[in-house]
Amino acid sequence: DMTLADVVKEHPNTIGFLNGLHLDYCCGGHDPIEIA
C-alpha cells in the first residue's frame, strides 16, 4: 500500500534496486506499489 516515493524517502538505498527494474520513484512514484 506504500508508494515508491515513500519507500525511497524512508530507504534511499533502494534507489539502485528500483533503477535496475526501471521503476519510476520520482515523477510517477505516487501510485501504491501494488499498482505500479
Full PDB file with SEQRES, HELIX, SHEET, SSBOND, CRYST1, ORIGX, SCALE, CONECT and MASTER records, all heavy atoms in Angstrom:
SEQRES   1 A   36  ASP MET THR LEU ALA ASP VAL VAL LYS GLU HIS PRO ASN          
SEQRES   2 A   36  THR ILE GLY PHE LEU ASN GLY LEU HIS LEU ASP TYR CYS          
SEQRES   3 A   36  CYS GLY GLY HIS ASP PRO ILE GLU ILE ALA                      
HELIX    1 AA1 LEU A    4  GLU A   10  1                                   7    
HELIX    2 AA2 PRO A   12  THR A   14  5                                   3    
HELIX    3 AA3 ILE A   15  GLY A   20  1                                   6    
CRYST1    1.000    1.000    1.000  90.00  90.00  90.00 P 1           1          
ORIGX1      1.000000  0.000000  0.000000        0.00000                         
ORIGX2      0.000000  1.000000  0.000000        0.00000                         
ORIGX3      0.000000  0.000000  1.000000        0.00000                         
SCALE1      1.000000  0.000000  0.000000        0.00000                         
SCALE2      0.000000  1.000000  0.000000        0.00000                         
SCALE3      0.000000  0.000000  1.000000        0.00000                         
ATOM      1  N   ASP A   1       0.811  -1.217   0.000  1.00  0.00           N  
ATOM      2  CA  ASP A   1       0.000   0.000   0.000  1.00  0.00           C  
ATOM      3  C   ASP A   1       0.844   1.267   0.000  1.00  0.00           C  
ATOM      4  O   ASP A   1       0.324   2.360  -0.224  1.00  0.00           O  
ATOM      5  CB  ASP A   1      -0.925   0.015   1.219  1.00  0.00           C  
ATOM      6  CG  ASP A   1      -1.917  -1.138   1.192  1.00  0.00           C  
ATOM      7  OD1 ASP A   1      -2.421  -1.450   0.095  1.00  0.00           O  
ATOM      8  OD2 ASP A   1      -2.172  -1.724   2.256  1.00  0.00           O  
ATOM      9  N   MET A   2       2.138   1.132   0.255  1.00  0.00           N  
ATOM     10  CA  MET A   2       3.030   2.286   0.219  1.00  0.00           C  
ATOM     11  C   MET A   2       3.330   2.658  -1.225  1.00  0.00           C  
ATOM     12  O   MET A   2       3.108   1.862  -2.142  1.00  0.00           O  
ATOM     13  CB  MET A   2       4.331   1.971   0.966  1.00  0.00           C  
ATOM     14  CG  MET A   2       4.150   1.701   2.448  1.00  0.00           C  
ATOM     15  SD  MET A   2       5.677   1.142   3.258  1.00  0.00           S  
ATOM     16  CE  MET A   2       6.683   2.631   3.147  1.00  0.00           C  
ATOM     17  N   THR A   3       3.818   3.875  -1.432  1.00  0.00           N  
ATOM     18  CA  THR A   3       4.233   4.290  -2.776  1.00  0.00           C  
ATOM     19  C   THR A   3       5.742   4.159  -2.889  1.00  0.00           C  
ATOM     20  O   THR A   3       6.458   4.129  -1.879  1.00  0.00           O  
ATOM     21  CB  THR A   3       3.836   5.746  -3.060  1.00  0.00           C  
ATOM     22  OG1 THR A   3       4.650   6.621  -2.252  1.00  0.00           O  
ATOM     23  CG2 THR A   3       2.362   5.982  -2.761  1.00  0.00           C  
ATOM     24  N   LEU A   4       6.235   4.104  -4.131  1.00  0.00           N  
ATOM     25  CA  LEU A   4       7.681   4.032  -4.334  1.00  0.00           C  
ATOM     26  C   LEU A   4       8.359   5.311  -3.857  1.00  0.00           C  
ATOM     27  O   LEU A   4       9.488   5.271  -3.361  1.00  0.00           O  
ATOM     28  CB  LEU A   4       7.991   3.780  -5.813  1.00  0.00           C  
ATOM     29  CG  LEU A   4       7.572   2.409  -6.344  1.00  0.00           C  
ATOM     30  CD1 LEU A   4       7.919   2.290  -7.823  1.00  0.00           C  
ATOM     31  CD2 LEU A   4       8.253   1.278  -5.566  1.00  0.00           C  
ATOM     32  N   ALA A   5       7.678   6.440  -3.989  1.00  0.00           N  
ATOM     33  CA  ALA A   5       8.242   7.697  -3.484  1.00  0.00           C  
ATOM     34  C   ALA A   5       8.417   7.633  -1.971  1.00  0.00           C  
ATOM     35  O   ALA A   5       9.448   8.074  -1.431  1.00  0.00           O  
ATOM     36  CB  ALA A   5       7.341   8.867  -3.873  1.00  0.00           C  
ATOM     37  N   ASP A   6       7.431   7.057  -1.272  1.00  0.00           N  
ATOM     38  CA  ASP A   6       7.533   6.900   0.184  1.00  0.00           C  
ATOM     39  C   ASP A   6       8.689   5.979   0.555  1.00  0.00           C  
ATOM     40  O   ASP A   6       9.423   6.227   1.514  1.00  0.00           O  
ATOM     41  CB  ASP A   6       6.236   6.333   0.756  1.00  0.00           C  
ATOM     42  CG  ASP A   6       5.093   7.340   0.722  1.00  0.00           C  
ATOM     43  OD1 ASP A   6       5.368   8.545   0.701  1.00  0.00           O  
ATOM     44  OD2 ASP A   6       3.922   6.896   0.707  1.00  0.00           O  
ATOM     45  N   VAL A   7       8.849   4.922  -0.223  1.00  0.00           N  
ATOM     46  CA  VAL A   7       9.922   3.955   0.046  1.00  0.00           C  
ATOM     47  C   VAL A   7      11.278   4.621  -0.062  1.00  0.00           C  
ATOM     48  O   VAL A   7      12.146   4.478   0.811  1.00  0.00           O  
ATOM     49  CB  VAL A   7       9.829   2.754  -0.912  1.00  0.00           C  
ATOM     50  CG1 VAL A   7      11.073   1.879  -0.795  1.00  0.00           C  
ATOM     51  CG2 VAL A   7       8.576   1.934  -0.621  1.00  0.00           C  
ATOM     52  N   VAL A   8      11.491   5.360  -1.153  1.00  0.00           N  
ATOM     53  CA  VAL A   8      12.794   5.997  -1.363  1.00  0.00           C  
ATOM     54  C   VAL A   8      13.054   7.068  -0.309  1.00  0.00           C  
ATOM     55  O   VAL A   8      14.190   7.259   0.134  1.00  0.00           O  
ATOM     56  CB  VAL A   8      12.891   6.571  -2.786  1.00  0.00           C  
ATOM     57  CG1 VAL A   8      14.133   7.425  -2.955  1.00  0.00           C  
ATOM     58  CG2 VAL A   8      12.911   5.439  -3.806  1.00  0.00           C  
ATOM     59  N   LYS A   9      11.995   7.752   0.101  1.00  0.00           N  
ATOM     60  CA  LYS A   9      12.162   8.777   1.138  1.00  0.00           C  
ATOM     61  C   LYS A   9      12.641   8.156   2.446  1.00  0.00           C  
ATOM     62  O   LYS A   9      13.482   8.726   3.149  1.00  0.00           O  
ATOM     63  CB  LYS A   9      10.837   9.513   1.355  1.00  0.00           C  
ATOM     64  CG  LYS A   9      10.961  10.755   2.222  1.00  0.00           C  
ATOM     65  CD  LYS A   9       9.662  11.541   2.238  1.00  0.00           C  
ATOM     66  CE  LYS A   9       9.786  12.820   3.063  1.00  0.00           C  
ATOM     67  NZ  LYS A   9       8.527  13.604   3.061  1.00  0.00           N  
ATOM     68  N   GLU A  10      12.112   6.978   2.777  1.00  0.00           N  
ATOM     69  CA  GLU A  10      12.493   6.311   4.016  1.00  0.00           C  
ATOM     70  C   GLU A  10      13.720   5.420   3.852  1.00  0.00           C  
ATOM     71  O   GLU A  10      14.489   5.223   4.802  1.00  0.00           O  
ATOM     72  CB  GLU A  10      11.322   5.463   4.534  1.00  0.00           C  
ATOM     73  CG  GLU A  10      10.117   6.281   4.965  1.00  0.00           C  
ATOM     74  CD  GLU A  10      10.442   7.257   6.090  1.00  0.00           C  
ATOM     75  OE1 GLU A  10      11.196   6.868   7.007  1.00  0.00           O  
ATOM     76  OE2 GLU A  10       9.963   8.401   6.039  1.00  0.00           O  
ATOM     77  N   HIS A  11      13.913   4.884   2.643  1.00  0.00           N  
ATOM     78  CA  HIS A  11      15.025   3.950   2.394  1.00  0.00           C  
ATOM     79  C   HIS A  11      15.737   4.339   1.089  1.00  0.00           C  
ATOM     80  O   HIS A  11      15.573   3.675   0.052  1.00  0.00           O  
ATOM     81  CB  HIS A  11      14.508   2.515   2.284  1.00  0.00           C  
ATOM     82  CG  HIS A  11      13.687   2.056   3.448  1.00  0.00           C  
ATOM     83  ND1 HIS A  11      14.250   1.685   4.647  1.00  0.00           N  
ATOM     84  CD2 HIS A  11      12.330   1.930   3.597  1.00  0.00           C  
ATOM     85  CE1 HIS A  11      13.283   1.332   5.490  1.00  0.00           C  
ATOM     86  NE2 HIS A  11      12.123   1.478   4.874  1.00  0.00           N  
ATOM     87  N   PRO A  12      16.524   5.416   1.098  1.00  0.00           N  
ATOM     88  CA  PRO A  12      17.191   5.870  -0.135  1.00  0.00           C  
ATOM     89  C   PRO A  12      18.099   4.823  -0.764  1.00  0.00           C  
ATOM     90  O   PRO A  12      18.369   4.878  -1.967  1.00  0.00           O  
ATOM     91  CB  PRO A  12      17.997   7.087   0.333  1.00  0.00           C  
ATOM     92  CG  PRO A  12      17.303   7.565   1.565  1.00  0.00           C  
ATOM     93  CD  PRO A  12      16.789   6.324   2.230  1.00  0.00           C  
ATOM     94  N   ASN A  13      18.564   3.858   0.029  1.00  0.00           N  
ATOM     95  CA  ASN A  13      19.456   2.841  -0.528  1.00  0.00           C  
ATOM     96  C   ASN A  13      18.723   1.838  -1.421  1.00  0.00           C  
ATOM     97  O   ASN A  13      19.337   0.921  -1.968  1.00  0.00           O  
ATOM     98  CB  ASN A  13      20.193   2.084   0.585  1.00  0.00           C  
ATOM     99  CG  ASN A  13      19.264   1.432   1.587  1.00  0.00           C  
ATOM    100  OD1 ASN A  13      18.222   1.981   1.914  1.00  0.00           O  
ATOM    101  ND2 ASN A  13      19.634   0.266   2.072  1.00  0.00           N  
ATOM    102  N   THR A  14      17.403   2.003  -1.603  1.00  0.00           N  
ATOM    103  CA  THR A  14      16.669   1.147  -2.553  1.00  0.00           C  
ATOM    104  C   THR A  14      16.697   1.700  -3.975  1.00  0.00           C  
ATOM    105  O   THR A  14      16.187   1.061  -4.895  1.00  0.00           O  
ATOM    106  CB  THR A  14      15.190   0.984  -2.128  1.00  0.00           C  
ATOM    107  OG1 THR A  14      14.571   2.283  -2.073  1.00  0.00           O  
ATOM    108  CG2 THR A  14      15.079   0.307  -0.765  1.00  0.00           C  
ATOM    109  N   ILE A  15      17.279   2.884  -4.164  1.00  0.00           N  
ATOM    110  CA  ILE A  15      17.287   3.511  -5.491  1.00  0.00           C  
ATOM    111  C   ILE A  15      17.938   2.610  -6.534  1.00  0.00           C  
ATOM    112  O   ILE A  15      17.423   2.444  -7.646  1.00  0.00           O  
ATOM    113  CB  ILE A  15      17.979   4.884  -5.437  1.00  0.00           C  
ATOM    114  CG1 ILE A  15      17.071   5.904  -4.744  1.00  0.00           C  
ATOM    115  CG2 ILE A  15      18.330   5.382  -6.842  1.00  0.00           C  
ATOM    116  CD1 ILE A  15      17.691   7.281  -4.582  1.00  0.00           C  
ATOM    117  N   GLY A  16      19.072   2.017  -6.198  1.00  0.00           N  
ATOM    118  CA  GLY A  16      19.753   1.146  -7.150  1.00  0.00           C  
ATOM    119  C   GLY A  16      18.895  -0.035  -7.563  1.00  0.00           C  
ATOM    120  O   GLY A  16      18.844  -0.403  -8.737  1.00  0.00           O  
ATOM    121  N   PHE A  17      18.212  -0.634  -6.616  1.00  0.00           N  
ATOM    122  CA  PHE A  17      17.318  -1.757  -6.895  1.00  0.00           C  
ATOM    123  C   PHE A  17      16.185  -1.335  -7.820  1.00  0.00           C  
ATOM    124  O   PHE A  17      15.872  -2.010  -8.810  1.00  0.00           O  
ATOM    125  CB  PHE A  17      16.762  -2.309  -5.578  1.00  0.00           C  
ATOM    126  CG  PHE A  17      15.696  -3.361  -5.740  1.00  0.00           C  
ATOM    127  CD1 PHE A  17      16.026  -4.657  -6.117  1.00  0.00           C  
ATOM    128  CD2 PHE A  17      14.357  -3.049  -5.508  1.00  0.00           C  
ATOM    129  CE1 PHE A  17      15.039  -5.631  -6.266  1.00  0.00           C  
ATOM    130  CE2 PHE A  17      13.374  -4.015  -5.657  1.00  0.00           C  
ATOM    131  CZ  PHE A  17      13.717  -5.307  -6.036  1.00  0.00           C  
ATOM    132  N   LEU A  18      15.567  -0.192  -7.530  1.00  0.00           N  
ATOM    133  CA  LEU A  18      14.454   0.290  -8.354  1.00  0.00           C  
ATOM    134  C   LEU A  18      14.921   0.700  -9.746  1.00  0.00           C  
ATOM    135  O   LEU A  18      14.233   0.440 -10.741  1.00  0.00           O  
ATOM    136  CB  LEU A  18      13.759   1.469  -7.661  1.00  0.00           C  
ATOM    137  CG  LEU A  18      13.091   1.144  -6.326  1.00  0.00           C  
ATOM    138  CD1 LEU A  18      12.561   2.407  -5.664  1.00  0.00           C  
ATOM    139  CD2 LEU A  18      11.971   0.129  -6.523  1.00  0.00           C  
ATOM    140  N   ASN A  19      16.093   1.311  -9.824  1.00  0.00           N  
ATOM    141  CA  ASN A  19      16.643   1.671 -11.135  1.00  0.00           C  
ATOM    142  C   ASN A  19      16.872   0.429 -11.990  1.00  0.00           C  
ATOM    143  O   ASN A  19      16.652   0.443 -13.202  1.00  0.00           O  
ATOM    144  CB  ASN A  19      17.957   2.433 -10.977  1.00  0.00           C  
ATOM    145  CG  ASN A  19      17.752   3.890 -10.572  1.00  0.00           C  
ATOM    146  OD1 ASN A  19      16.642   4.410 -10.663  1.00  0.00           O  
ATOM    147  ND2 ASN A  19      18.809   4.544 -10.134  1.00  0.00           N  
ATOM    148  N   GLY A  20      17.329  -0.649 -11.340  1.00  0.00           N  
ATOM    149  CA  GLY A  20      17.587  -1.877 -12.077  1.00  0.00           C  
ATOM    150  C   GLY A  20      16.337  -2.472 -12.695  1.00  0.00           C  
ATOM    151  O   GLY A  20      16.406  -3.152 -13.723  1.00  0.00           O  
ATOM    152  N   LEU A  21      15.188  -2.196 -12.096  1.00  0.00           N  
ATOM    153  CA  LEU A  21      13.903  -2.684 -12.614  1.00  0.00           C  
ATOM    154  C   LEU A  21      13.186  -1.613 -13.441  1.00  0.00           C  
ATOM    155  O   LEU A  21      12.071  -1.847 -13.909  1.00  0.00           O  
ATOM    156  CB  LEU A  21      13.003  -3.125 -11.457  1.00  0.00           C  
ATOM    157  CG  LEU A  21      13.479  -4.347 -10.665  1.00  0.00           C  
ATOM    158  CD1 LEU A  21      12.584  -4.569  -9.459  1.00  0.00           C  
ATOM    159  CD2 LEU A  21      13.511  -5.591 -11.546  1.00  0.00           C  
ATOM    160  N   HIS A  22      13.825  -0.450 -13.575  1.00  0.00           N  
ATOM    161  CA  HIS A  22      13.260   0.670 -14.345  1.00  0.00           C  
ATOM    162  C   HIS A  22      11.891   1.082 -13.801  1.00  0.00           C  
ATOM    163  O   HIS A  22      10.962   1.360 -14.564  1.00  0.00           O  
ATOM    164  CB  HIS A  22      13.175   0.308 -15.839  1.00  0.00           C  
ATOM    165  CG  HIS A  22      14.448  -0.240 -16.382  1.00  0.00           C  
ATOM    166  ND1 HIS A  22      15.598   0.510 -16.486  1.00  0.00           N  
ATOM    167  CD2 HIS A  22      14.770  -1.493 -16.810  1.00  0.00           C  
ATOM    168  CE1 HIS A  22      16.578  -0.250 -16.975  1.00  0.00           C  
ATOM    169  NE2 HIS A  22      16.106  -1.456 -17.169  1.00  0.00           N  
ATOM    170  N   LEU A  23      11.808   1.125 -12.478  1.00  0.00           N  
ATOM    171  CA  LEU A  23      10.580   1.562 -11.815  1.00  0.00           C  
ATOM    172  C   LEU A  23      10.711   3.034 -11.434  1.00  0.00           C  
ATOM    173  O   LEU A  23      11.719   3.452 -10.867  1.00  0.00           O  
ATOM    174  CB  LEU A  23      10.319   0.713 -10.567  1.00  0.00           C  
ATOM    175  CG  LEU A  23       9.784  -0.695 -10.860  1.00  0.00           C  
ATOM    176  CD1 LEU A  23       9.916  -1.581  -9.629  1.00  0.00           C  
ATOM    177  CD2 LEU A  23       8.329  -0.624 -11.311  1.00  0.00           C  
ATOM    178  N   ASP A  24       9.693   3.803 -11.731  1.00  0.00           N  
ATOM    179  CA  ASP A  24       9.706   5.245 -11.552  1.00  0.00           C  
ATOM    180  C   ASP A  24       9.330   5.600 -10.111  1.00  0.00           C  
ATOM    181  O   ASP A  24       8.200   5.393  -9.694  1.00  0.00           O  
ATOM    182  CB  ASP A  24       8.723   5.882 -12.541  1.00  0.00           C  
ATOM    183  CG  ASP A  24       8.693   7.399 -12.471  1.00  0.00           C  
ATOM    184  OD1 ASP A  24       9.432   7.968 -11.644  1.00  0.00           O  
ATOM    185  OD2 ASP A  24       7.936   7.997 -13.250  1.00  0.00           O  
ATOM    186  N   TYR A  25      10.284   6.142  -9.363  1.00  0.00           N  
ATOM    187  CA  TYR A  25      10.010   6.543  -7.991  1.00  0.00           C  
ATOM    188  C   TYR A  25       9.938   8.069  -7.853  1.00  0.00           C  
ATOM    189  O   TYR A  25       9.728   8.576  -6.756  1.00  0.00           O  
ATOM    190  CB  TYR A  25      11.108   6.018  -7.045  1.00  0.00           C  
ATOM    191  CG  TYR A  25      12.506   6.487  -7.412  1.00  0.00           C  
ATOM    192  CD1 TYR A  25      12.972   7.719  -6.984  1.00  0.00           C  
ATOM    193  CD2 TYR A  25      13.336   5.701  -8.192  1.00  0.00           C  
ATOM    194  CE1 TYR A  25      14.242   8.157  -7.328  1.00  0.00           C  
ATOM    195  CE2 TYR A  25      14.595   6.136  -8.541  1.00  0.00           C  
ATOM    196  CZ  TYR A  25      15.054   7.358  -8.103  1.00  0.00           C  
ATOM    197  OH  TYR A  25      16.312   7.800  -8.450  1.00  0.00           O  
ATOM    198  N   CYS A  26      10.140   8.812  -8.954  1.00  0.00           N  
ATOM    199  CA  CYS A  26      10.129  10.273  -8.847  1.00  0.00           C  
ATOM    200  C   CYS A  26       8.880  10.867  -9.481  1.00  0.00           C  
ATOM    201  O   CYS A  26       7.947  11.246  -8.787  1.00  0.00           O  
ATOM    202  CB  CYS A  26      11.399  10.874  -9.430  1.00  0.00           C  
ATOM    203  SG  CYS A  26      11.741  10.416 -11.138  1.00  0.00           S  
ATOM    204  N   CYS A  27       8.821  10.938 -10.815  1.00  0.00           N  
ATOM    205  CA  CYS A  27       7.670  11.571 -11.479  1.00  0.00           C  
ATOM    206  C   CYS A  27       6.388  10.779 -11.254  1.00  0.00           C  
ATOM    207  O   CYS A  27       5.341  11.341 -10.928  1.00  0.00           O  
ATOM    208  CB  CYS A  27       7.921  11.696 -12.979  1.00  0.00           C  
ATOM    209  SG  CYS A  27       9.412  12.590 -13.397  1.00  0.00           S  
ATOM    210  N   GLY A  28       6.458   9.474 -11.473  1.00  0.00           N  
ATOM    211  CA  GLY A  28       5.258   8.644 -11.372  1.00  0.00           C  
ATOM    212  C   GLY A  28       5.279   7.720 -10.182  1.00  0.00           C  
ATOM    213  O   GLY A  28       4.710   6.634 -10.212  1.00  0.00           O  
ATOM    214  N   GLY A  29       5.949   8.154  -9.114  1.00  0.00           N  
ATOM    215  CA  GLY A  29       6.139   7.270  -7.969  1.00  0.00           C  
ATOM    216  C   GLY A  29       5.087   7.366  -6.901  1.00  0.00           C  
ATOM    217  O   GLY A  29       5.327   6.968  -5.758  1.00  0.00           O  
ATOM    218  N   HIS A  30       3.898   7.885  -7.242  1.00  0.00           N  
ATOM    219  CA  HIS A  30       2.902   8.122  -6.205  1.00  0.00           C  
ATOM    220  C   HIS A  30       1.710   7.163  -6.260  1.00  0.00           C  
ATOM    221  O   HIS A  30       0.723   7.363  -5.562  1.00  0.00           O  
ATOM    222  CB  HIS A  30       2.436   9.574  -6.274  1.00  0.00           C  
ATOM    223  CG  HIS A  30       3.568  10.541  -6.066  1.00  0.00           C  
ATOM    224  ND1 HIS A  30       4.145  10.753  -4.836  1.00  0.00           N  
ATOM    225  CD2 HIS A  30       4.261  11.312  -6.948  1.00  0.00           C  
ATOM    226  CE1 HIS A  30       5.125  11.627  -4.948  1.00  0.00           C  
ATOM    227  NE2 HIS A  30       5.219  11.983  -6.218  1.00  0.00           N  
ATOM    228  N   ASP A  31       1.810   6.134  -7.093  1.00  0.00           N  
ATOM    229  CA  ASP A  31       0.812   5.066  -7.065  1.00  0.00           C  
ATOM    230  C   ASP A  31       1.207   4.030  -6.025  1.00  0.00           C  
ATOM    231  O   ASP A  31       2.404   3.833  -5.765  1.00  0.00           O  
ATOM    232  CB  ASP A  31       0.714   4.379  -8.437  1.00  0.00           C  
ATOM    233  CG  ASP A  31       0.069   5.261  -9.489  1.00  0.00           C  
ATOM    234  OD1 ASP A  31      -0.781   6.091  -9.104  1.00  0.00           O  
ATOM    235  OD2 ASP A  31       0.414   5.118 -10.672  1.00  0.00           O  
ATOM    236  N   PRO A  32       0.254   3.335  -5.418  1.00  0.00           N  
ATOM    237  CA  PRO A  32       0.602   2.247  -4.495  1.00  0.00           C  
ATOM    238  C   PRO A  32       1.489   1.217  -5.192  1.00  0.00           C  
ATOM    239  O   PRO A  32       1.341   0.971  -6.393  1.00  0.00           O  
ATOM    240  CB  PRO A  32      -0.753   1.652  -4.119  1.00  0.00           C  
ATOM    241  CG  PRO A  32      -1.726   2.763  -4.336  1.00  0.00           C  
ATOM    242  CD  PRO A  32      -1.206   3.532  -5.515  1.00  0.00           C  
ATOM    243  N   ILE A  33       2.402   0.631  -4.451  1.00  0.00           N  
ATOM    244  CA  ILE A  33       3.331  -0.352  -5.013  1.00  0.00           C  
ATOM    245  C   ILE A  33       2.581  -1.446  -5.758  1.00  0.00           C  
ATOM    246  O   ILE A  33       2.999  -1.876  -6.832  1.00  0.00           O  
ATOM    247  CB  ILE A  33       4.205  -0.953  -3.895  1.00  0.00           C  
ATOM    248  CG1 ILE A  33       5.241   0.078  -3.434  1.00  0.00           C  
ATOM    249  CG2 ILE A  33       4.885  -2.236  -4.359  1.00  0.00           C  
ATOM    250  CD1 ILE A  33       6.074  -0.366  -2.254  1.00  0.00           C  
ATOM    251  N   GLU A  34       1.489  -1.905  -5.179  1.00  0.00           N  
ATOM    252  CA  GLU A  34       0.732  -2.998  -5.797  1.00  0.00           C  
ATOM    253  C   GLU A  34       0.350  -2.655  -7.236  1.00  0.00           C  
ATOM    254  O   GLU A  34       0.449  -3.502  -8.138  1.00  0.00           O  
ATOM    255  CB  GLU A  34      -0.517  -3.287  -4.982  1.00  0.00           C  
ATOM    256  CG  GLU A  34      -1.327  -4.463  -5.511  1.00  0.00           C  
ATOM    257  CD  GLU A  34      -2.485  -4.822  -4.598  1.00  0.00           C  
ATOM    258  OE1 GLU A  34      -2.905  -3.956  -3.801  1.00  0.00           O  
ATOM    259  OE2 GLU A  34      -2.953  -5.971  -4.674  1.00  0.00           O  
ATOM    260  N   ILE A  35      -0.057  -1.416  -7.483  1.00  0.00           N  
ATOM    261  CA  ILE A  35      -0.453  -0.994  -8.825  1.00  0.00           C  
ATOM    262  C   ILE A  35       0.770  -0.800  -9.715  1.00  0.00           C  
ATOM    263  O   ILE A  35       0.825  -1.287 -10.846  1.00  0.00           O  
ATOM    264  CB  ILE A  35      -1.271   0.309  -8.747  1.00  0.00           C  
ATOM    265  CG1 ILE A  35      -2.595   0.049  -8.033  1.00  0.00           C  
ATOM    266  CG2 ILE A  35      -1.520   0.871 -10.150  1.00  0.00           C  
ATOM    267  CD1 ILE A  35      -3.425   1.299  -7.792  1.00  0.00           C  
ATOM    268  N   ALA A  36       1.776  -0.086  -9.208  1.00  0.00           N  
ATOM    269  CA  ALA A  36       2.965   0.219 -10.006  1.00  0.00           C  
ATOM    270  C   ALA A  36       3.687  -1.045 -10.462  1.00  0.00           C  
ATOM    271  O   ALA A  36       4.144  -1.142 -11.600  1.00  0.00           O  
ATOM    272  CB  ALA A  36       3.917   1.102  -9.195  1.00  0.00           C  
TER     273      ALA A  36                                                      
MASTER        0    0    0    3    0    0    0    6  272    1    0    3          
END                                                                             
